[in-house]
Amino acid sequence: MTYFGSFGGMYVPETLVAPLQRIQREYAKRKNDSLFQTKFQQLLREYAGRPSPLYFAEKLSKAYGCKIYLKREDQLYTGSHKINNALGQSLFAKSLGAERVIAETGAGQHGVATATACALLGLKCVVYMGSEDVKRQYLNVQRMKLLGAEVRPVDSGSKTLKDAINEALRDWVAQPESYYLIGSVVGPSPYPEMVRDFQRVIGDETREQVMQREGKLPDVLVACVGGGSNAMGLFYPFKDEHTVKKIGVEAYGAASLCFGKTGVLHGAKTKVLQDADGQIMETHSISAGLDYSAVGPEHAFFQETGIADYSAVNDEQALAAFRELSIQEGIIPALESAHAVAKGLDLAQILDKDQIMVINLSGRGDKDTHALEALGLK
């Protein structure tokens, strides 16, 4: 069982202990299996479109005072970093003999990526999604259905990601022979480790690309954090590089690292937004993918040990950054990614002109056009 300091673990109903122990045991084998890893790397290259570009944002760099690079995960097939993990876990589920995959989604990108991977590998796919997110992310709901997935809206609680995860876990308890494909570095062991491993390609590529372009490591890495998979994928290969500052950016209305306390949610001990009585607090963000009451346990460990720092950006700041990147560089980011852009542009103003910042552009923004229209953003 994996712990990150005091965070992590496996806090689940007894029904799920045996399936999780099997997943942990079998994943340990696949992690070191050359045939599995070769197939996974082939899918990343030939299907997902890796490596993703590292783009020098010249206009933003001139305006804000340091060298700003964007890691373009938005250029991958399905439009975000989520395809990395979806391909890895779907391949793993197939190797276990699973026929049915359960997933949850907030912004819909993990749902689309999972539906895509399941279609590719011939797996039945059921995706739980908060009914509020179904309305906010209409385009992605249609994409999932076109890919053959069944989308099940969830009307309980805040009708967002937390509630979708609750329903997905209930489904798994009822049908433990299914495979639960978690979309971020959250949940019971071994999921945080497994998702991190499938996403670390982001940081591995970034290291190589920056070294080729600049001849040195970046000074600052910036990524948005909801559950935290894109950030962990970027940060992890640099975790022992103390000269590289790692900044995770939460949505202000869902900032569990900034404002939460240690607790247990969805199978893991981590930082959780909770009231004085320990009840899970509702969250709010214009970004469906960041609208979550907890965070991956390894991020809680990174914060506690000083490996990474975390801050929060509000809706207005994210929308301003969304507009700035769209107009200045012709790149429309996902609202999730816009939070990282907002913090990055703020930090850039205090860096020297030769210092290097990499902002992880975790996804593209066409999925958010319906939500932005409702907000009156033109």
Protein backbone atom coordinates (compact mmCIF):
# COMPACT_ATOMS: atom_id res chain seq x y z
CA MET A 1 0.00 0.00 0.00
CA THR A 2 1.35 3.40 -0.99
CA TYR A 3 1.68 6.32 1.42
CA PHE A 4 3.25 9.71 0.77
CA GLY A 5 4.44 10.60 4.25
CA SER A 6 1.23 10.41 6.26
CA PHE A 7 -1.01 10.87 3.20
CA GLY A 8 -2.54 8.24 0.91
CA GLY A 9 -3.56 4.75 1.93
CA MET A 10 -6.67 2.70 1.22
CA TYR A 11 -9.86 3.73 3.06
CA VAL A 12 -12.59 1.78 1.27
CA PRO A 13 -15.51 -0.60 1.90
CA GLU A 14 -14.48 -4.20 2.49
CA THR A 15 -15.96 -5.18 -0.89
CA LEU A 16 -13.25 -3.18 -2.68
CA VAL A 17 -10.22 -4.34 -0.68
CA ALA A 18 -9.66 -7.49 -2.76
CA PRO A 19 -10.07 -5.73 -6.15
CA LEU A 20 -7.68 -2.96 -5.04
CA GLN A 21 -5.12 -5.45 -3.75
CA ARG A 22 -5.28 -7.23 -7.10
CA ILE A 23 -4.85 -3.94 -8.98
CA GLN A 24 -1.88 -3.06 -6.77
CA ARG A 25 -0.28 -6.47 -7.27
CA GLU A 26 -0.82 -6.55 -11.03
CA TYR A 27 0.21 -2.94 -11.58
CA ALA A 28 3.53 -3.63 -9.86
CA LYS A 29 4.10 -6.27 -12.56
CA ARG A 30 3.02 -4.08 -15.50
CA LYS A 31 5.15 -1.19 -14.28
CA ASN A 32 8.25 -3.26 -14.97
CA ASP A 33 6.92 -5.27 -17.91
CA SER A 34 8.70 -4.29 -21.13
CA LEU A 35 5.89 -5.49 -23.42
CA PHE A 36 3.24 -3.49 -21.54
CA GLN A 37 5.39 -0.36 -21.39
CA THR A 38 6.36 -0.65 -25.07
CA LYS A 39 2.68 -0.86 -26.08
CA PHE A 40 1.82 2.10 -23.84
CA GLN A 41 4.61 4.25 -25.29
CA GLN A 42 3.51 3.28 -28.82
CA LEU A 43 -0.04 4.44 -28.07
CA LEU A 44 1.25 7.73 -26.66
CA ARG A 45 3.25 8.38 -29.82
CA GLU A 46 1.04 7.03 -32.57
CA TYR A 47 -2.44 7.54 -31.11
CA ALA A 48 -2.25 10.42 -28.62
CA GLY A 49 0.30 12.42 -30.61
CA ARG A 50 3.22 12.68 -28.19
CA PRO A 51 5.57 14.38 -27.66
CA SER A 52 3.45 17.48 -27.14
CA PRO A 53 5.15 20.73 -28.24
CA LEU A 54 6.94 23.16 -25.94
CA TYR A 55 5.96 26.55 -27.30
CA PHE A 56 7.86 29.79 -26.61
CA ALA A 57 5.22 32.48 -25.99
CA GLU A 58 7.17 35.39 -27.46
CA LYS A 59 4.55 38.12 -27.03
CA LEU A 60 3.76 37.18 -23.46
CA SER A 61 7.47 36.93 -22.67
CA LYS A 62 8.07 40.47 -23.93
CA ALA A 63 5.05 41.81 -22.08
CA TYR A 64 5.72 40.15 -18.72
CA GLY A 65 9.51 40.11 -18.51
CA CYS A 66 10.80 36.53 -18.49
CA LYS A 67 10.97 33.57 -20.87
CA ILE A 68 7.53 31.96 -20.87
CA TYR A 69 7.08 28.53 -22.42
CA LEU A 70 3.79 26.65 -22.72
CA LYS A 71 3.74 22.85 -22.53
CA ARG A 72 1.04 22.15 -25.11
CA GLU A 73 -0.94 19.22 -23.71
CA ASP A 74 -3.91 20.86 -25.43
CA GLN A 75 -2.44 19.62 -28.72
CA LEU A 76 -2.95 15.95 -27.85
CA TYR A 77 -5.78 13.88 -29.31
CA THR A 78 -9.02 14.53 -27.35
CA GLY A 79 -7.65 17.94 -26.31
CA SER A 80 -5.92 17.44 -22.96
CA HIS A 81 -3.41 15.51 -20.87
CA LYS A 82 -6.18 13.12 -19.78
CA ILE A 83 -5.54 10.84 -22.76
CA ASN A 84 -2.15 9.80 -21.27
CA ASN A 85 -3.70 8.21 -18.21
CA ALA A 86 -6.80 6.93 -20.01
CA LEU A 87 -4.70 4.98 -22.49
CA GLY A 88 -2.44 3.61 -19.75
CA GLN A 89 -5.25 2.47 -17.47
CA SER A 90 -7.46 1.14 -20.26
CA LEU A 91 -4.54 -0.94 -21.51
CA PHE A 92 -4.01 -2.14 -17.94
CA ALA A 93 -7.72 -2.96 -17.49
CA LYS A 94 -7.68 -4.94 -20.75
CA SER A 95 -4.66 -6.90 -19.53
CA LEU A 96 -6.60 -7.81 -16.37
CA GLY A 97 -9.44 -9.23 -18.45
CA ALA A 98 -11.92 -6.49 -17.54
CA GLU A 99 -14.85 -5.96 -19.89
CA ARG A 100 -16.56 -2.97 -18.25
CA VAL A 101 -14.91 0.31 -17.23
CA ILE A 102 -16.38 2.88 -14.82
CA ALA A 103 -15.17 6.47 -14.86
CA GLU A 104 -16.07 9.86 -13.41
CA THR A 105 -15.55 13.24 -14.98
CA GLY A 106 -15.88 16.93 -14.15
CA ALA A 107 -14.86 19.01 -17.13
CA GLY A 108 -15.54 16.02 -19.35
CA GLN A 109 -11.99 15.67 -20.67
CA HIS A 110 -11.29 12.53 -18.64
CA GLY A 111 -14.65 11.14 -19.72
CA VAL A 112 -13.88 11.79 -23.37
CA ALA A 113 -10.38 10.35 -23.05
CA THR A 114 -11.69 7.23 -21.28
CA ALA A 115 -14.49 6.75 -23.79
CA THR A 116 -11.91 7.09 -26.56
CA ALA A 117 -9.51 4.54 -25.05
CA CYS A 118 -12.34 2.11 -24.30
CA ALA A 119 -13.60 2.35 -27.88
CA LEU A 120 -10.07 1.67 -29.12
CA LEU A 121 -9.62 -1.36 -26.89
CA GLY A 122 -13.16 -2.76 -27.07
CA LEU A 123 -14.26 -2.06 -23.49
CA LYS A 124 -17.73 -1.07 -22.32
CA CYS A 125 -17.61 2.40 -20.77
CA VAL A 126 -19.91 4.04 -18.19
CA VAL A 127 -19.14 7.65 -17.18
CA TYR A 128 -20.64 9.41 -14.15
CA MET A 129 -20.91 13.19 -14.38
CA GLY A 130 -22.55 15.76 -12.11
CA SER A 131 -25.69 17.15 -13.74
CA GLU A 132 -24.37 20.69 -13.28
CA ASP A 133 -21.24 19.70 -15.21
CA VAL A 134 -23.39 18.02 -17.86
CA LYS A 135 -24.92 21.44 -18.53
CA ARG A 136 -21.56 23.27 -18.40
CA GLN A 137 -19.79 20.76 -20.62
CA TYR A 138 -22.46 19.88 -23.18
CA LEU A 139 -19.95 19.42 -26.02
CA ASN A 140 -17.96 16.79 -24.14
CA VAL A 141 -21.13 14.92 -23.17
CA GLN A 142 -21.99 14.59 -26.85
CA ARG A 143 -18.45 13.46 -27.66
CA MET A 144 -18.63 10.70 -25.04
CA LYS A 145 -21.93 9.46 -26.43
CA LEU A 146 -20.58 9.46 -29.98
CA LEU A 147 -17.71 7.28 -28.76
CA GLY A 148 -20.18 4.72 -27.43
CA ALA A 149 -20.01 5.56 -23.72
CA GLU A 150 -23.03 5.68 -21.43
CA VAL A 151 -23.13 9.01 -19.57
CA ARG A 152 -24.97 8.90 -16.24
CA PRO A 153 -25.85 12.35 -14.79
CA VAL A 154 -25.64 12.68 -11.00
CA ASP A 155 -28.20 14.92 -9.26
CA SER A 156 -27.04 14.60 -5.64
CA GLY A 157 -25.06 17.12 -3.61
CA SER A 158 -23.50 19.95 -5.59
CA LYS A 159 -24.04 17.93 -8.79
CA THR A 160 -20.33 18.23 -9.68
CA LEU A 161 -17.18 16.10 -9.61
CA LYS A 162 -17.28 15.03 -5.94
CA ASP A 163 -20.78 13.63 -6.42
CA ALA A 164 -19.84 11.89 -9.67
CA ILE A 165 -17.00 10.12 -7.83
CA ASN A 166 -19.41 9.07 -5.07
CA GLU A 167 -21.70 7.41 -7.62
CA ALA A 168 -18.83 5.78 -9.49
CA LEU A 169 -17.60 4.25 -6.23
CA ARG A 170 -21.11 2.98 -5.44
CA ASP A 171 -21.22 1.34 -8.86
CA TRP A 172 -17.85 -0.29 -8.22
CA VAL A 173 -18.98 -1.60 -4.82
CA ALA A 174 -22.03 -3.14 -6.50
CA GLN A 175 -20.00 -4.54 -9.42
CA PRO A 176 -16.42 -5.06 -8.20
CA GLU A 177 -15.57 -7.12 -11.29
CA SER A 178 -15.67 -3.84 -13.25
CA TYR A 179 -12.55 -1.70 -13.52
CA TYR A 180 -12.73 1.80 -12.04
CA LEU A 181 -10.59 4.14 -14.16
CA ILE A 182 -9.86 7.10 -11.89
CA GLY A 183 -8.98 10.29 -13.75
CA SER A 184 -6.58 12.00 -11.37
CA VAL A 185 -3.95 11.35 -8.70
CA VAL A 186 -6.72 10.81 -6.12
CA GLY A 187 -8.46 7.84 -4.58
CA PRO A 188 -7.19 4.77 -2.74
CA SER A 189 -3.77 3.20 -3.29
CA PRO A 190 -2.47 2.39 -5.88
CA TYR A 191 -4.34 4.95 -8.02
CA PRO A 192 -2.36 8.09 -7.05
CA GLU A 193 0.90 6.34 -7.92
CA MET A 194 -0.46 4.72 -11.07
CA VAL A 195 -1.95 7.92 -12.51
CA ARG A 196 1.24 9.81 -11.67
CA ASP A 197 3.30 7.22 -13.53
CA PHE A 198 1.11 7.49 -16.63
CA GLN A 199 1.26 11.32 -16.52
CA ARG A 200 4.96 11.83 -15.75
CA VAL A 201 5.62 11.85 -19.49
CA ILE A 202 4.67 15.55 -19.30
CA GLY A 203 7.60 16.40 -17.02
CA ASP A 204 10.02 14.00 -18.68
CA GLU A 205 9.40 15.65 -22.05
CA THR A 206 9.54 19.14 -20.56
CA ARG A 207 12.96 18.49 -19.03
CA GLU A 208 14.36 17.25 -22.34
CA GLN A 209 12.74 20.01 -24.42
CA VAL A 210 13.89 22.87 -22.17
CA MET A 211 17.42 21.49 -22.04
CA GLN A 212 17.47 21.34 -25.86
CA ARG A 213 16.16 24.90 -26.19
CA GLU A 214 17.92 26.65 -23.31
CA GLY A 215 20.74 24.37 -22.18
CA LYS A 216 19.52 24.45 -18.57
CA LEU A 217 16.57 23.46 -16.42
CA PRO A 218 13.57 25.80 -16.05
CA ASP A 219 13.43 28.11 -13.06
CA VAL A 220 9.68 27.83 -12.49
CA LEU A 221 6.99 25.26 -13.33
CA VAL A 222 3.32 26.24 -13.06
CA ALA A 223 0.27 23.97 -13.37
CA CYS A 224 -3.37 24.01 -12.28
CA VAL A 225 -4.48 21.63 -9.53
CA GLY A 226 -7.89 20.09 -9.04
CA GLY A 227 -7.23 16.45 -8.25
CA GLY A 228 -3.80 17.27 -9.58
CA SER A 229 -2.76 14.84 -12.34
CA ASN A 230 -1.40 17.33 -14.86
CA ALA A 231 0.55 19.14 -12.13
CA MET A 232 1.95 15.93 -10.68
CA GLY A 233 2.88 14.76 -14.17
CA LEU A 234 4.86 17.96 -14.67
CA PHE A 235 6.34 18.24 -11.16
CA TYR A 236 7.32 14.64 -10.38
CA PRO A 237 10.36 14.33 -12.67
CA PHE A 238 11.67 17.55 -11.07
CA LYS A 239 10.86 16.65 -7.45
CA ASP A 240 14.55 16.40 -6.48
CA GLU A 241 15.55 19.55 -8.39
CA HIS A 242 15.57 22.14 -5.60
CA THR A 243 16.49 24.99 -7.97
CA VAL A 244 13.26 24.44 -9.93
CA LYS A 245 10.32 26.15 -8.21
CA LYS A 246 7.08 24.22 -8.60
CA ILE A 247 3.81 26.16 -8.27
CA GLY A 248 0.41 24.45 -8.16
CA VAL A 249 -2.64 26.66 -8.73
CA GLU A 250 -6.06 25.85 -7.30
CA ALA A 251 -9.42 27.46 -7.97
CA TYR A 252 -10.15 29.83 -5.07
CA GLY A 253 -13.57 28.32 -4.43
CA ALA A 254 -12.14 24.78 -4.30
CA ALA A 255 -8.68 25.27 -2.78
CA SER A 256 -8.22 22.27 -0.50
CA LEU A 257 -4.45 22.71 -0.22
CA CYS A 258 -4.73 26.40 0.62
CA PHE A 259 -7.76 26.21 2.93
CA GLY A 260 -8.39 22.53 3.72
CA LYS A 261 -7.52 20.24 6.61
CA THR A 262 -6.27 16.66 6.73
CA GLY A 263 -9.10 14.18 6.30
CA VAL A 264 -10.30 11.21 4.30
CA LEU A 265 -12.26 11.46 1.07
CA HIS A 266 -12.80 8.94 -1.72
CA GLY A 267 -10.48 6.33 -0.27
CA ALA A 268 -7.42 8.39 0.65
CA LYS A 269 -6.08 10.51 3.49
CA THR A 270 -5.32 13.93 2.07
CA LYS A 271 -6.19 17.64 2.36
CA VAL A 272 -9.97 18.11 2.27
CA LEU A 273 -12.26 21.13 2.44
CA GLN A 274 -14.38 20.45 5.52
CA ASP A 275 -16.29 22.42 8.14
CA ALA A 276 -15.74 22.45 11.90
CA ASP A 277 -17.78 19.25 12.23
CA GLY A 278 -15.73 17.45 9.58
CA GLN A 279 -18.46 17.59 6.94
CA ILE A 280 -17.31 17.97 3.33
CA MET A 281 -17.83 21.52 2.12
CA GLU A 282 -19.36 22.41 -1.22
CA THR A 283 -17.07 24.04 -3.76
CA HIS A 284 -17.44 26.44 -6.66
CA SER A 285 -15.36 27.26 -9.71
CA ILE A 286 -16.15 28.31 -13.26
CA SER A 287 -13.79 25.48 -14.13
CA ALA A 288 -15.58 22.14 -13.79
CA GLY A 289 -12.28 20.24 -13.68
CA LEU A 290 -11.07 22.14 -10.59
CA ASP A 291 -14.42 22.02 -8.76
CA TYR A 292 -13.44 19.33 -6.22
CA SER A 293 -13.31 19.22 -2.41
CA ALA A 294 -9.96 17.41 -2.05
CA VAL A 295 -6.65 16.88 -3.80
CA GLY A 296 -4.25 14.05 -4.61
CA PRO A 297 -2.41 12.83 -1.47
CA GLU A 298 1.02 13.24 -3.06
CA HIS A 299 0.31 16.93 -3.56
CA ALA A 300 -0.49 17.18 0.16
CA PHE A 301 2.88 15.56 0.79
CA PHE A 302 4.63 17.92 -1.64
CA GLN A 303 3.11 20.87 0.20
CA GLU A 304 4.00 19.55 3.64
CA THR A 305 7.62 18.87 2.68
CA GLY A 306 8.13 22.04 0.63
CA ILE A 307 8.71 20.23 -2.67
CA ALA A 308 6.01 22.43 -4.25
CA ASP A 309 4.10 25.57 -3.30
CA TYR A 310 0.39 26.11 -3.86
CA SER A 311 -1.81 29.18 -4.26
CA ALA A 312 -5.34 30.00 -5.44
CA VAL A 313 -6.74 32.04 -8.34
CA ASN A 314 -10.31 33.31 -8.45
CA ASP A 315 -12.77 33.20 -11.35
CA GLU A 316 -12.12 36.78 -12.45
CA GLN A 317 -8.35 36.28 -12.58
CA ALA A 318 -8.76 33.05 -14.57
CA LEU A 319 -11.10 34.72 -17.07
CA ALA A 320 -8.66 37.62 -17.53
CA ALA A 321 -5.82 35.15 -18.22
CA PHE A 322 -8.06 33.19 -20.58
CA ARG A 323 -8.66 36.34 -22.59
CA GLU A 324 -4.99 37.43 -22.46
CA LEU A 325 -3.63 34.15 -23.82
CA SER A 326 -6.32 33.94 -26.49
CA ILE A 327 -5.67 37.46 -27.77
CA GLN A 328 -1.89 37.64 -27.35
CA GLU A 329 -0.87 34.18 -28.59
CA GLY A 330 -3.94 32.92 -30.46
CA ILE A 331 -4.26 29.99 -28.05
CA ILE A 332 -7.63 29.35 -26.39
CA PRO A 333 -6.92 27.50 -23.12
CA ALA A 334 -9.21 25.36 -21.02
CA LEU A 335 -10.59 27.26 -18.03
CA GLU A 336 -8.59 24.90 -15.83
CA SER A 337 -5.37 25.85 -17.59
CA ALA A 338 -6.29 29.54 -17.44
CA HIS A 339 -5.81 29.39 -13.66
CA ALA A 340 -2.19 28.34 -14.19
CA VAL A 341 -1.73 31.05 -16.82
CA ALA A 342 -3.06 33.68 -14.41
CA LYS A 343 -0.60 32.74 -11.68
CA GLY A 344 2.23 32.35 -14.18
CA LEU A 345 1.76 35.82 -15.63
CA ASP A 346 1.64 37.28 -12.13
CA LEU A 347 4.91 35.54 -11.16
CA ALA A 348 6.59 36.43 -14.47
CA GLN A 349 6.62 40.10 -13.53
CA ILE A 350 9.05 39.51 -10.66
CA LEU A 351 11.43 37.19 -12.57
CA ASP A 352 14.52 38.26 -14.47
CA LYS A 353 14.39 38.38 -18.27
CA ASP A 354 16.66 35.34 -18.61
CA GLN A 355 14.72 33.17 -16.18
CA ILE A 356 12.59 30.39 -17.66
CA MET A 357 9.01 29.59 -16.76
CA VAL A 358 7.02 26.64 -18.09
CA ILE A 359 3.24 26.80 -17.76
CA ASN A 360 1.47 23.51 -18.36
CA LEU A 361 -1.41 24.12 -20.76
CA SER A 362 -3.34 21.07 -19.65
CA GLY A 363 -6.17 21.36 -22.17
CA ARG A 364 -7.81 23.39 -24.90
CA GLY A 365 -10.78 25.67 -24.41
CA ASP A 366 -13.28 24.70 -27.06
CA LYS A 367 -15.04 22.53 -24.46
CA ASP A 368 -15.73 25.70 -22.43
CA THR A 369 -17.37 27.78 -25.15
CA HIS A 370 -20.89 26.94 -23.95
CA ALA A 371 -20.05 27.89 -20.34
CA LEU A 372 -18.26 31.07 -21.42
CA GLU A 373 -21.24 32.10 -23.54
CA ALA A 374 -23.48 31.69 -20.50
CA LEU A 375 -21.08 33.94 -18.55
CA GLY A 376 -21.33 36.57 -21.25
CA LEU A 377 -17.63 36.40 -22.21
CA LYS A 378 -17.11 37.51 -25.80
